Amino acid sequence: MNPLKQRTTALKYLTPQLYTNAPRLIRRMDADIFICAQDWDTGWEKNFTISTPQIKNNSATETVTLPSGETDKIKIDLTLIKTAAGWRINKVACAN
């Protein structure tokens, strides 16, 4: 299932701008921008960490870490903004 095809659900988590730009960003990166990989690992559903949010005014940043193999990790930096509807992801970047 492609979560971006579920607009109502996606907009509970993403800003409208990120939702609109996501397909273009995915094509440019040739990977899923939300997991920084091409394929989903079912082990991630219960085995991931999220850093403590760093909040400044109406913006927050945090890092999601997914295990990859025995010792590697995938790190994804999220930027959230506070909207009238609540906090929404506005930017996703694969961390080094």
N, C-alpha and C. Protein backbone atom coordinates (compact mmCIF):
# COMPACT_ATOMS: atom_id res chain seq x y z
N MET A 1 0.83 -1.18 0.00
CA MET A 1 0.00 0.00 0.00
C MET A 1 0.88 1.24 0.00
N ASN A 2 0.54 2.19 -0.82
CA ASN A 2 1.26 3.46 -0.89
C ASN A 2 0.54 4.47 -0.01
N PRO A 3 1.17 4.89 1.11
CA PRO A 3 0.49 5.81 2.02
C PRO A 3 0.13 7.15 1.37
N LEU A 4 0.87 7.55 0.33
CA LEU A 4 0.56 8.82 -0.31
C LEU A 4 -0.75 8.77 -1.10
N LYS A 5 -1.23 7.57 -1.39
CA LYS A 5 -2.51 7.44 -2.08
C LYS A 5 -3.68 7.65 -1.11
N GLN A 6 -3.40 7.63 0.18
CA GLN A 6 -4.40 7.86 1.22
C GLN A 6 -4.27 9.30 1.70
N ARG A 7 -4.78 10.25 0.91
CA ARG A 7 -4.57 11.67 1.16
C ARG A 7 -5.00 12.09 2.57
N THR A 8 -6.18 11.70 2.99
CA THR A 8 -6.68 12.11 4.30
C THR A 8 -5.76 11.64 5.42
N THR A 9 -5.31 10.39 5.34
CA THR A 9 -4.40 9.85 6.34
C THR A 9 -3.05 10.55 6.28
N ALA A 10 -2.52 10.74 5.08
CA ALA A 10 -1.21 11.39 4.92
C ALA A 10 -1.21 12.79 5.51
N LEU A 11 -2.31 13.53 5.33
CA LEU A 11 -2.36 14.91 5.81
C LEU A 11 -2.54 15.00 7.32
N LYS A 12 -2.71 13.87 8.00
CA LYS A 12 -2.70 13.87 9.46
C LYS A 12 -1.26 14.00 9.97
N TYR A 13 -0.29 13.70 9.08
CA TYR A 13 1.12 13.68 9.47
C TYR A 13 1.99 14.66 8.69
N LEU A 14 1.59 14.99 7.47
CA LEU A 14 2.40 15.81 6.57
C LEU A 14 1.74 17.16 6.32
N THR A 15 2.58 18.17 6.05
CA THR A 15 2.01 19.44 5.61
C THR A 15 1.52 19.24 4.17
N PRO A 16 0.55 20.04 3.73
CA PRO A 16 0.10 19.94 2.34
C PRO A 16 1.24 20.13 1.34
N GLN A 17 2.22 20.99 1.67
CA GLN A 17 3.35 21.22 0.77
C GLN A 17 4.19 19.97 0.60
N LEU A 18 4.50 19.29 1.70
CA LEU A 18 5.30 18.06 1.59
C LEU A 18 4.50 16.98 0.88
N TYR A 19 3.22 16.87 1.17
CA TYR A 19 2.37 15.88 0.50
C TYR A 19 2.39 16.09 -1.01
N THR A 20 2.29 17.34 -1.44
CA THR A 20 2.28 17.66 -2.87
C THR A 20 3.64 17.38 -3.52
N ASN A 21 4.72 17.70 -2.82
CA ASN A 21 6.07 17.56 -3.39
C ASN A 21 6.65 16.16 -3.26
N ALA A 22 6.09 15.32 -2.41
CA ALA A 22 6.66 13.99 -2.14
C ALA A 22 6.87 13.14 -3.39
N PRO A 23 5.89 13.01 -4.30
CA PRO A 23 6.14 12.16 -5.48
C PRO A 23 7.35 12.62 -6.31
N ARG A 24 7.51 13.92 -6.47
CA ARG A 24 8.65 14.45 -7.22
C ARG A 24 9.96 14.16 -6.49
N LEU A 25 9.97 14.33 -5.17
CA LEU A 25 11.16 14.06 -4.38
C LEU A 25 11.53 12.58 -4.42
N ILE A 26 10.53 11.72 -4.38
CA ILE A 26 10.77 10.27 -4.45
C ILE A 26 11.38 9.89 -5.80
N ARG A 27 10.84 10.46 -6.89
CA ARG A 27 11.41 10.18 -8.23
C ARG A 27 12.85 10.67 -8.31
N ARG A 28 13.12 11.85 -7.79
CA ARG A 28 14.47 12.42 -7.85
C ARG A 28 15.45 11.58 -7.06
N MET A 29 15.03 11.09 -5.91
CA MET A 29 15.93 10.32 -5.04
C MET A 29 15.96 8.84 -5.43
N ASP A 30 14.96 8.39 -6.18
CA ASP A 30 14.83 6.98 -6.55
C ASP A 30 14.76 6.09 -5.32
N ALA A 31 14.12 6.61 -4.28
CA ALA A 31 13.91 5.86 -3.04
C ALA A 31 12.77 6.52 -2.29
N ASP A 32 12.27 5.83 -1.31
CA ASP A 32 11.21 6.39 -0.47
C ASP A 32 11.82 7.43 0.45
N ILE A 33 11.38 8.67 0.35
CA ILE A 33 11.98 9.75 1.15
C ILE A 33 11.69 9.60 2.64
N PHE A 34 10.69 8.81 2.99
CA PHE A 34 10.33 8.68 4.39
C PHE A 34 11.14 7.60 5.10
N ILE A 35 11.77 6.71 4.35
CA ILE A 35 12.61 5.67 4.97
C ILE A 35 14.04 5.68 4.42
N CYS A 36 14.33 6.57 3.48
CA CYS A 36 15.66 6.69 2.89
C CYS A 36 16.15 5.34 2.35
N ALA A 37 15.23 4.60 1.75
CA ALA A 37 15.54 3.29 1.19
C ALA A 37 14.50 2.97 0.11
N GLN A 38 14.76 1.92 -0.64
CA GLN A 38 13.81 1.52 -1.67
C GLN A 38 12.78 0.53 -1.15
N ASP A 39 13.14 -0.27 -0.16
CA ASP A 39 12.25 -1.30 0.33
C ASP A 39 12.01 -1.16 1.83
N TRP A 40 10.78 -1.44 2.24
CA TRP A 40 10.37 -1.40 3.64
C TRP A 40 10.80 -2.68 4.34
N ASP A 41 11.32 -2.56 5.53
CA ASP A 41 11.70 -3.71 6.35
C ASP A 41 10.64 -3.85 7.45
N THR A 42 9.94 -4.97 7.49
CA THR A 42 8.88 -5.13 8.47
C THR A 42 9.40 -5.08 9.91
N GLY A 43 10.68 -5.32 10.10
CA GLY A 43 11.27 -5.23 11.44
C GLY A 43 11.28 -3.81 11.99
N TRP A 44 11.14 -2.82 11.12
CA TRP A 44 11.15 -1.42 11.57
C TRP A 44 9.90 -1.06 12.36
N GLU A 45 8.82 -1.77 12.13
CA GLU A 45 7.55 -1.41 12.76
C GLU A 45 7.64 -1.36 14.28
N LYS A 46 8.48 -2.20 14.86
CA LYS A 46 8.60 -2.24 16.32
C LYS A 46 10.02 -1.98 16.78
N ASN A 47 10.90 -1.61 15.87
CA ASN A 47 12.31 -1.47 16.23
C ASN A 47 12.89 -0.21 15.60
N PHE A 48 12.50 0.93 16.12
CA PHE A 48 13.04 2.21 15.67
C PHE A 48 13.11 3.15 16.86
N THR A 49 13.90 4.21 16.73
CA THR A 49 13.99 5.20 17.80
C THR A 49 13.74 6.59 17.22
N ILE A 50 13.27 7.46 18.07
CA ILE A 50 13.05 8.86 17.70
C ILE A 50 13.72 9.72 18.75
N SER A 51 14.53 10.67 18.30
CA SER A 51 15.23 11.53 19.24
C SER A 51 14.25 12.50 19.91
N THR A 52 14.69 13.11 20.98
CA THR A 52 13.89 14.13 21.65
C THR A 52 13.77 15.33 20.71
N PRO A 53 12.55 15.82 20.49
CA PRO A 53 12.38 16.96 19.58
C PRO A 53 13.09 18.20 20.10
N GLN A 54 13.71 18.91 19.17
CA GLN A 54 14.32 20.20 19.48
C GLN A 54 13.36 21.26 18.96
N ILE A 55 12.65 21.92 19.86
CA ILE A 55 11.59 22.85 19.47
C ILE A 55 12.08 24.28 19.57
N LYS A 56 11.81 25.03 18.51
CA LYS A 56 12.12 26.46 18.50
C LYS A 56 10.95 27.17 17.82
N ASN A 57 10.21 27.93 18.61
CA ASN A 57 9.02 28.63 18.13
C ASN A 57 8.02 27.62 17.55
N ASN A 58 7.66 27.78 16.28
CA ASN A 58 6.68 26.89 15.65
C ASN A 58 7.32 25.81 14.79
N SER A 59 8.60 25.49 15.09
CA SER A 59 9.33 24.48 14.32
C SER A 59 9.99 23.50 15.28
N ALA A 60 10.10 22.27 14.85
CA ALA A 60 10.77 21.24 15.66
C ALA A 60 11.57 20.34 14.73
N THR A 61 12.68 19.84 15.23
CA THR A 61 13.47 18.86 14.47
C THR A 61 13.69 17.64 15.35
N GLU A 62 13.75 16.49 14.71
CA GLU A 62 14.07 15.25 15.40
C GLU A 62 14.62 14.27 14.39
N THR A 63 15.26 13.22 14.90
CA THR A 63 15.85 12.20 14.04
C THR A 63 15.22 10.85 14.35
N VAL A 64 14.78 10.17 13.28
CA VAL A 64 14.27 8.80 13.39
C VAL A 64 15.41 7.87 12.97
N THR A 65 15.67 6.83 13.76
CA THR A 65 16.73 5.88 13.44
C THR A 65 16.12 4.51 13.23
N LEU A 66 16.41 3.92 12.06
CA LEU A 66 15.94 2.58 11.71
C LEU A 66 17.14 1.64 11.64
N PRO A 67 17.03 0.42 12.19
CA PRO A 67 18.14 -0.52 12.06
C PRO A 67 18.25 -1.00 10.61
N SER A 68 19.48 -1.23 10.18
CA SER A 68 19.72 -1.72 8.81
C SER A 68 20.84 -2.75 8.86
N GLY A 69 20.49 -3.99 8.76
CA GLY A 69 21.51 -5.04 8.86
C GLY A 69 21.94 -5.23 10.30
N GLU A 70 23.09 -5.86 10.48
CA GLU A 70 23.57 -6.18 11.83
C GLU A 70 23.98 -4.95 12.63
N THR A 71 24.69 -4.03 11.98
CA THR A 71 25.23 -2.90 12.74
C THR A 71 24.91 -1.53 12.14
N ASP A 72 24.45 -1.49 10.91
CA ASP A 72 24.18 -0.21 10.27
C ASP A 72 22.85 0.36 10.74
N LYS A 73 22.70 1.66 10.53
CA LYS A 73 21.46 2.34 10.87
C LYS A 73 21.12 3.35 9.78
N ILE A 74 19.84 3.54 9.55
CA ILE A 74 19.36 4.58 8.65
C ILE A 74 18.84 5.70 9.53
N LYS A 75 19.34 6.92 9.31
CA LYS A 75 18.89 8.06 10.09
C LYS A 75 18.15 9.03 9.17
N ILE A 76 16.98 9.47 9.64
CA ILE A 76 16.14 10.38 8.87
C ILE A 76 15.85 11.60 9.73
N ASP A 77 16.24 12.77 9.23
CA ASP A 77 15.98 14.01 9.94
C ASP A 77 14.63 14.55 9.51
N LEU A 78 13.79 14.85 10.49
CA LEU A 78 12.47 15.41 10.23
C LEU A 78 12.40 16.84 10.73
N THR A 79 11.75 17.69 9.97
CA THR A 79 11.42 19.03 10.42
C THR A 79 9.91 19.11 10.45
N LEU A 80 9.38 19.49 11.60
CA LEU A 80 7.94 19.62 11.77
C LEU A 80 7.60 21.09 11.98
N ILE A 81 6.42 21.48 11.56
CA ILE A 81 5.95 22.82 11.85
C ILE A 81 4.59 22.71 12.53
N LYS A 82 4.33 23.68 13.39
CA LYS A 82 3.06 23.70 14.10
C LYS A 82 2.04 24.41 13.23
N THR A 83 0.98 23.70 12.87
CA THR A 83 -0.08 24.28 12.05
C THR A 83 -1.34 24.41 12.91
N ALA A 84 -2.37 24.98 12.34
CA ALA A 84 -3.63 25.09 13.07
C ALA A 84 -4.17 23.72 13.45
N ALA A 85 -3.85 22.70 12.66
CA ALA A 85 -4.32 21.34 12.92
C ALA A 85 -3.39 20.56 13.85
N GLY A 86 -2.23 21.13 14.19
CA GLY A 86 -1.26 20.43 15.04
C GLY A 86 0.08 20.32 14.35
N TRP A 87 1.00 19.57 14.93
CA TRP A 87 2.34 19.38 14.37
C TRP A 87 2.26 18.49 13.13
N ARG A 88 2.94 18.92 12.05
CA ARG A 88 2.98 18.16 10.80
C ARG A 88 4.41 18.14 10.28
N ILE A 89 4.80 17.02 9.65
CA ILE A 89 6.12 16.90 9.03
C ILE A 89 6.15 17.78 7.80
N ASN A 90 7.15 18.66 7.73
CA ASN A 90 7.27 19.59 6.61
C ASN A 90 8.48 19.29 5.74
N LYS A 91 9.47 18.58 6.32
CA LYS A 91 10.68 18.29 5.57
C LYS A 91 11.27 16.97 6.07
N VAL A 92 11.76 16.17 5.13
CA VAL A 92 12.39 14.89 5.44
C VAL A 92 13.74 14.86 4.73
N ALA A 93 14.78 14.50 5.45
CA ALA A 93 16.11 14.42 4.83
C ALA A 93 16.86 13.22 5.38
N CYS A 94 17.53 12.50 4.49
CA CYS A 94 18.36 11.38 4.92
C CYS A 94 19.61 11.95 5.57
N ALA A 95 19.86 11.55 6.81
CA ALA A 95 21.02 12.05 7.55
C ALA A 95 22.24 11.22 7.22
N ASN A 96 23.38 11.80 7.42
CA ASN A 96 24.65 11.08 7.19
C ASN A 96 25.07 10.36 8.43
